[in-house]
Amino acid sequence: MRKACLQEVHRLAGVDERVVFIGSDLGFGTLDEMRKDYPKRFFMEGISEANILGMAAGMALDGWMPYVNTIAPFITRRAYEQVIVDLCMHNVPVRLIGNGGGVVYAPLGPTHQAIEDLAVMRAAPNMTVVAVADADEMRRLMPLTLNESGPIYIRLAKGYDPIVTDDSQPFIIGRGLPFQKGKDLLLVTTGIGLRLARESMAALEAKGLSVGLLHMPTIKPFDSEMLLEMASQVKAVISVEEHSVIGGLGSAVAEVLAEACLDKPLRFKRLGLPDCFADSYGSQLSLMAGYGLSADGIVEAAKGLLEI
């Protein structure tokens, strides 16, 4: 996914002279081809994310389209004041590409795990927040970022995630993607949560459940209309995300359902990372599984929610 995203930045630089790339102390060789093709539009700065966002905001105000790339916590935690004051208050078209959203960097510990990035970015006025499921979906997203107004936060998973999307539905920023309708349970996902949900579908349907699946690659603006349409057809809803249960997809779903004042009871559960810092080390998948964020975890959550 990261490789696809950066390749798209390079490709977009070839079709739009406004596009510039700004990296923060990334590995040697990152986007080397763009560095050679467009040396005056390629910047590799040091570990100075706050300054980089100020630099990007200034360039955007001067007509450029900066794509800023570094590790997700360094954009969303370290430089949050600059995100708010320099980018959001001026509503400038800067694209923030956050490597390793969620617990991709699990081996490096909680300092490098972005478990609250969707929440803090979602709370920033004017910010669009996107978390796609795989590299193909990333390739469908990136061309759209050229013409969107205001700042965008693009969360990256790790590389080589399985492809679980297809191009049968057009990608539109702010639009949910319905994969399947159901009568008993609706799974709502974002990012790699889509893969986990799809892996759980067979086991859920083997238990006689009619399961719907709605993918929300855009967390903000949120497609409330699509969610309510699909939620109105089921008895229970489970949100699935590689993120804290506070403030991300699950919170967005809960807010929409609560404010809709539905005329029938609807059971709901947020499935994500608990409100704590990880107290163990391991791989991304082992850490997620330890918190029940897996296909088996979704099945168990569904059984508990529907009391089957």
Protein backbone atom coordinates (compact mmCIF):
# COMPACT_ATOMS: atom_id res chain seq x y z
CA MET A 1 0.00 0.00 0.00
CA ARG A 2 2.80 2.44 0.86
CA LYS A 3 4.61 1.65 -2.37
CA ALA A 4 1.42 2.16 -4.39
CA CYS A 5 0.76 5.47 -2.65
CA LEU A 6 4.23 6.88 -3.28
CA GLN A 7 4.24 5.63 -6.88
CA GLU A 8 1.01 7.56 -7.36
CA VAL A 9 2.61 10.73 -5.94
CA HIS A 10 5.37 10.34 -8.53
CA ARG A 11 2.84 9.74 -11.31
CA LEU A 12 0.71 12.71 -10.24
CA ALA A 13 3.81 14.91 -10.29
CA GLY A 14 4.08 14.07 -13.98
CA VAL A 15 0.58 15.25 -14.78
CA ASP A 16 0.29 18.21 -12.39
CA GLU A 17 3.13 20.68 -11.91
CA ARG A 18 1.72 21.75 -8.54
CA VAL A 19 2.63 18.41 -6.94
CA VAL A 20 5.62 18.39 -4.57
CA PHE A 21 6.81 15.65 -2.21
CA ILE A 22 8.12 16.37 1.29
CA GLY A 23 9.53 13.54 3.39
CA SER A 24 10.75 13.53 6.96
CA ASP A 25 13.99 11.60 7.40
CA LEU A 26 12.69 8.66 5.35
CA GLY A 27 14.89 5.78 4.31
CA PHE A 28 17.52 6.26 1.62
CA GLY A 29 16.06 5.56 -1.79
CA THR A 30 12.47 6.55 -0.96
CA LEU A 31 10.91 7.85 -4.17
CA ASP A 32 14.34 7.98 -5.76
CA GLU A 33 12.79 8.07 -9.25
CA MET A 34 10.80 11.19 -8.41
CA ARG A 35 13.92 12.75 -6.91
CA LYS A 36 15.67 12.22 -10.28
CA ASP A 37 12.70 13.23 -12.49
CA TYR A 38 11.58 16.28 -10.54
CA PRO A 39 14.47 17.36 -8.30
CA LYS A 40 13.00 20.83 -7.70
CA ARG A 41 9.76 19.27 -6.41
CA PHE A 42 11.33 16.69 -4.07
CA PHE A 43 12.31 17.59 -0.50
CA MET A 44 13.73 15.24 2.13
CA GLU A 45 13.88 17.10 5.41
CA GLY A 46 15.19 15.99 8.77
CA ILE A 47 13.29 14.97 11.88
CA SER A 48 11.39 18.26 12.10
CA GLU A 49 7.74 17.47 11.42
CA ALA A 50 6.37 20.69 12.91
CA ASN A 51 8.60 22.77 10.65
CA ILE A 52 7.76 20.57 7.66
CA LEU A 53 4.04 21.17 8.07
CA GLY A 54 4.65 24.92 8.26
CA MET A 55 6.72 24.62 5.09
CA ALA A 56 3.96 22.63 3.38
CA ALA A 57 1.30 25.13 4.43
CA GLY A 58 3.34 28.00 3.01
CA MET A 59 3.86 26.17 -0.27
CA ALA A 60 0.15 25.35 -0.51
CA LEU A 61 -0.75 29.00 0.06
CA ASP A 62 1.61 29.80 -2.82
CA GLY A 63 -0.22 27.45 -5.20
CA TRP A 64 1.65 24.16 -4.71
CA MET A 65 0.11 20.78 -3.82
CA PRO A 66 2.38 19.26 -1.14
CA TYR A 67 2.25 15.53 -0.27
CA VAL A 68 3.93 15.10 3.13
CA ASN A 69 5.02 11.61 4.10
CA THR A 70 6.37 10.23 7.37
CA ILE A 71 5.48 7.81 10.18
CA ALA A 72 1.89 8.35 11.30
CA PRO A 73 2.48 9.26 14.99
CA PHE A 74 4.98 11.93 13.99
CA ILE A 75 2.35 13.71 11.88
CA THR A 76 -0.60 13.19 14.17
CA ARG A 77 0.99 13.59 17.63
CA ARG A 78 4.22 15.57 17.35
CA ALA A 79 2.95 18.16 14.88
CA TYR A 80 -0.71 18.37 15.88
CA GLU A 81 -0.58 22.10 16.65
CA GLN A 82 0.76 22.75 13.14
CA VAL A 83 -1.93 20.44 11.70
CA ILE A 84 -4.57 22.59 13.35
CA VAL A 85 -3.09 26.10 13.04
CA ASP A 86 -1.12 25.89 9.79
CA LEU A 87 -3.25 23.47 7.78
CA CYS A 88 -6.81 23.32 9.09
CA MET A 89 -7.29 26.95 10.07
CA HIS A 90 -6.12 28.01 6.61
CA ASN A 91 -7.90 25.08 4.95
CA VAL A 92 -4.94 24.51 2.64
CA PRO A 93 -4.65 21.54 0.24
CA VAL A 94 -1.82 19.64 1.95
CA ARG A 95 -1.94 15.83 1.81
CA LEU A 96 -0.58 14.06 4.90
CA ILE A 97 0.50 10.47 4.24
CA GLY A 98 0.90 8.63 7.56
CA ASN A 99 2.98 5.46 7.37
CA GLY A 100 2.02 2.61 9.66
CA GLY A 101 -1.39 3.54 10.99
CA GLY A 102 -2.61 1.32 13.81
CA VAL A 103 -0.05 -1.14 15.15
CA VAL A 104 1.98 -1.72 11.98
CA TYR A 105 5.09 -0.71 13.94
CA ALA A 106 4.24 -3.07 16.80
CA PRO A 107 7.87 -4.26 17.17
CA LEU A 108 8.91 -0.67 18.02
CA GLY A 109 6.43 -0.25 20.85
CA PRO A 110 3.70 2.29 21.68
CA THR A 111 5.79 5.34 20.66
CA HIS A 112 5.44 4.25 17.02
CA GLN A 113 1.90 2.88 17.14
CA ALA A 114 -0.78 5.21 15.77
CA ILE A 115 -3.84 3.95 17.60
CA GLU A 116 -5.55 7.36 17.93
CA ASP A 117 -4.63 9.03 14.63
CA LEU A 118 -8.09 8.73 13.10
CA ALA A 119 -9.66 10.23 16.22
CA VAL A 120 -7.44 13.29 16.43
CA MET A 121 -7.55 13.96 12.70
CA ARG A 122 -11.30 13.45 12.63
CA ALA A 123 -11.64 16.10 15.34
CA ALA A 124 -9.75 18.71 13.26
CA PRO A 125 -12.10 21.07 11.35
CA ASN A 126 -11.69 21.02 7.53
CA MET A 127 -9.65 17.78 7.62
CA THR A 128 -10.66 14.86 5.40
CA VAL A 129 -9.63 11.46 6.80
CA VAL A 130 -9.11 8.37 4.64
CA ALA A 131 -8.01 4.80 5.46
CA VAL A 132 -8.15 2.48 2.44
CA ALA A 133 -8.02 -1.32 2.60
CA ASP A 134 -5.32 -2.26 0.10
CA ALA A 135 -2.97 -1.06 -2.65
CA ASP A 136 -5.59 -1.21 -5.41
CA GLU A 137 -7.95 0.99 -3.44
CA MET A 138 -5.05 3.36 -2.81
CA ARG A 139 -4.51 3.66 -6.57
CA ARG A 140 -8.17 4.58 -6.98
CA LEU A 141 -7.98 7.17 -4.21
CA MET A 142 -4.82 9.08 -5.07
CA PRO A 143 -5.92 10.72 -8.37
CA LEU A 144 -8.94 12.12 -6.52
CA THR A 145 -6.72 13.93 -4.03
CA LEU A 146 -5.60 16.40 -6.70
CA ASN A 147 -8.93 18.17 -6.84
CA GLU A 148 -10.12 17.99 -3.22
CA SER A 149 -10.08 21.25 -1.29
CA GLY A 150 -8.57 21.46 2.19
CA PRO A 151 -6.13 19.11 3.96
CA ILE A 152 -6.39 15.30 3.74
CA TYR A 153 -4.96 12.70 6.12
CA ILE A 154 -4.23 9.41 4.32
CA ARG A 155 -3.54 6.49 6.66
CA LEU A 156 -1.24 3.79 5.31
CA ALA A 157 -1.20 0.18 6.46
CA LYS A 158 1.95 -1.85 5.94
CA GLY A 159 3.12 -3.06 2.56
CA TYR A 160 1.93 -6.21 0.81
CA ASP A 161 -1.48 -6.41 2.45
CA PRO A 162 -3.77 -8.79 0.52
CA ILE A 163 -6.00 -7.23 -2.14
CA VAL A 164 -9.58 -7.40 -0.86
CA THR A 165 -11.24 -4.70 -2.97
CA ASP A 166 -12.17 -4.45 -6.62
CA ASP A 167 -13.09 -1.65 -8.97
CA SER A 168 -16.73 -2.63 -9.41
CA GLN A 169 -17.73 0.39 -7.35
CA PRO A 170 -16.22 3.80 -8.10
CA PHE A 171 -14.16 5.26 -5.28
CA ILE A 172 -15.61 8.58 -4.19
CA ILE A 173 -14.16 10.46 -1.22
CA GLY A 174 -16.87 10.62 1.43
CA ARG A 175 -18.84 7.67 0.07
CA GLY A 176 -19.25 4.28 1.77
CA LEU A 177 -18.84 1.11 -0.28
CA PRO A 178 -21.53 -1.56 0.31
CA PHE A 179 -20.09 -5.03 -0.35
CA GLN A 180 -23.07 -7.11 0.70
CA LYS A 181 -26.49 -6.62 2.24
CA GLY A 182 -27.71 -8.71 5.19
CA LYS A 183 -30.71 -9.16 7.48
CA ASP A 184 -29.11 -10.12 10.80
CA LEU A 185 -25.77 -8.40 11.19
CA LEU A 186 -23.93 -5.50 9.55
CA LEU A 187 -20.13 -5.30 9.70
CA VAL A 188 -18.81 -1.77 9.17
CA THR A 189 -15.09 -1.49 8.44
CA THR A 190 -12.30 0.87 7.51
CA GLY A 191 -8.68 0.24 6.48
CA ILE A 192 -7.54 -3.35 6.89
CA GLY A 193 -10.66 -4.02 8.95
CA LEU A 194 -12.25 -4.91 5.61
CA ARG A 195 -9.93 -7.91 5.23
CA LEU A 196 -10.72 -9.16 8.73
CA ALA A 197 -14.45 -8.76 8.14
CA ARG A 198 -14.33 -10.60 4.84
CA GLU A 199 -12.37 -13.43 6.47
CA SER A 200 -15.07 -13.76 9.13
CA MET A 201 -18.02 -13.84 6.72
CA ALA A 202 -17.97 -17.56 5.92
CA ALA A 203 -17.92 -18.56 9.59
CA LEU A 204 -20.74 -16.16 10.40
CA GLU A 205 -22.86 -17.34 7.49
CA ALA A 206 -22.18 -20.97 8.44
CA LYS A 207 -23.99 -20.20 11.69
CA GLY A 208 -27.04 -19.24 9.66
CA LEU A 209 -26.53 -15.49 9.87
CA SER A 210 -27.34 -13.15 7.01
CA VAL A 211 -24.41 -10.72 7.15
CA GLY A 212 -24.05 -7.32 5.50
CA LEU A 213 -20.72 -5.63 4.89
CA LEU A 214 -20.13 -1.90 4.52
CA HIS A 215 -16.63 -0.52 3.94
CA MET A 216 -15.97 3.08 4.97
CA PRO A 217 -12.60 4.12 3.50
CA THR A 218 -13.49 7.73 4.29
CA ILE A 219 -13.89 8.35 8.03
CA LYS A 220 -14.56 12.05 7.47
CA PRO A 221 -16.76 13.20 5.83
CA PHE A 222 -18.77 10.17 6.94
CA ASP A 223 -21.41 8.54 4.75
CA SER A 224 -24.20 8.58 7.33
CA GLU A 225 -26.89 7.98 4.73
CA MET A 226 -25.36 4.72 3.52
CA LEU A 227 -24.79 3.52 7.10
CA LEU A 228 -28.39 4.18 8.14
CA GLU A 229 -29.76 2.53 5.02
CA MET A 230 -27.87 -0.71 5.68
CA ALA A 231 -28.22 -0.60 9.48
CA SER A 232 -32.00 -0.28 9.17
CA GLN A 233 -32.12 -3.77 7.61
CA VAL A 234 -30.33 -5.68 10.42
CA LYS A 235 -30.63 -6.53 14.12
CA ALA A 236 -27.05 -5.69 15.10
CA VAL A 237 -24.02 -3.69 13.94
CA ILE A 238 -20.31 -4.30 14.63
CA SER A 239 -17.65 -1.75 13.67
CA VAL A 240 -14.19 -3.18 12.94
CA GLU A 241 -11.04 -1.03 12.94
CA GLU A 242 -7.33 -1.20 13.73
CA HIS A 243 -7.64 1.82 16.02
CA SER A 244 -8.68 2.71 19.54
CA VAL A 245 -12.36 2.10 20.15
CA ILE A 246 -12.49 5.77 21.16
CA GLY A 247 -12.89 8.41 18.46
CA GLY A 248 -12.45 6.46 15.24
CA LEU A 249 -14.81 4.52 13.00
CA GLY A 250 -16.75 2.99 15.91
CA SER A 251 -17.40 6.38 17.44
CA ALA A 252 -18.53 7.78 14.08
CA VAL A 253 -20.95 4.87 13.66
CA ALA A 254 -22.24 5.25 17.23
CA GLU A 255 -22.83 8.97 16.78
CA VAL A 256 -24.82 8.46 13.60
CA LEU A 257 -26.94 5.64 15.04
CA ALA A 258 -27.63 7.53 18.29
CA GLU A 259 -28.67 10.75 16.56
CA ALA A 260 -30.86 8.93 14.03
CA CYS A 261 -33.38 8.04 16.76
CA LEU A 262 -34.15 4.70 15.09
CA ASP A 263 -37.64 3.35 15.61
CA LYS A 264 -36.42 -0.17 16.44
CA PRO A 265 -33.86 -1.59 18.89
CA LEU A 266 -30.41 -2.14 17.35
CA ARG A 267 -27.54 -3.87 19.11
CA PHE A 268 -24.11 -2.36 18.52
CA LYS A 269 -20.48 -3.15 19.38
CA ARG A 270 -17.21 -1.39 18.59
CA LEU A 271 -14.41 -3.84 17.83
CA GLY A 272 -10.97 -2.28 17.95
CA LEU A 273 -8.02 -1.68 20.24
CA PRO A 274 -8.88 -1.04 23.90
CA ASP A 275 -8.25 2.24 25.70
CA CYS A 276 -4.67 1.45 26.70
CA PHE A 277 -1.11 1.40 25.38
CA ALA A 278 0.11 -2.02 24.28
CA ASP A 279 1.95 -3.74 27.14
CA SER A 280 3.58 -6.37 24.93
CA TYR A 281 5.67 -6.57 21.78
CA GLY A 282 5.18 -8.72 18.71
CA SER A 283 3.96 -8.50 15.13
CA GLN A 284 1.07 -6.34 13.97
CA LEU A 285 -1.20 -9.38 13.62
CA SER A 286 -0.23 -10.95 16.94
CA LEU A 287 -0.92 -7.71 18.79
CA MET A 288 -4.26 -7.27 17.05
CA ALA A 289 -5.27 -10.87 17.71
CA GLY A 290 -4.38 -10.43 21.37
CA TYR A 291 -7.04 -7.76 21.58
CA GLY A 292 -9.63 -9.81 19.69
CA LEU A 293 -9.12 -7.90 16.46
CA SER A 294 -9.18 -10.83 14.06
CA ALA A 295 -11.64 -12.87 12.01
CA ASP A 296 -12.19 -15.16 15.02
CA GLY A 297 -12.62 -12.13 17.23
CA ILE A 298 -15.35 -10.78 14.95
CA VAL A 299 -17.17 -14.13 15.06
CA GLU A 300 -17.00 -14.20 18.87
CA ALA A 301 -18.22 -10.60 19.07
CA ALA A 302 -21.15 -11.43 16.79
CA LYS A 303 -22.08 -14.48 18.86
CA GLY A 304 -22.08 -12.40 22.01
CA LEU A 305 -24.02 -9.54 20.48
CA LEU A 306 -26.69 -11.77 18.95
CA GLU A 307 -26.65 -14.25 21.86
CA ILE A 308 -26.18 -17.32 19.65
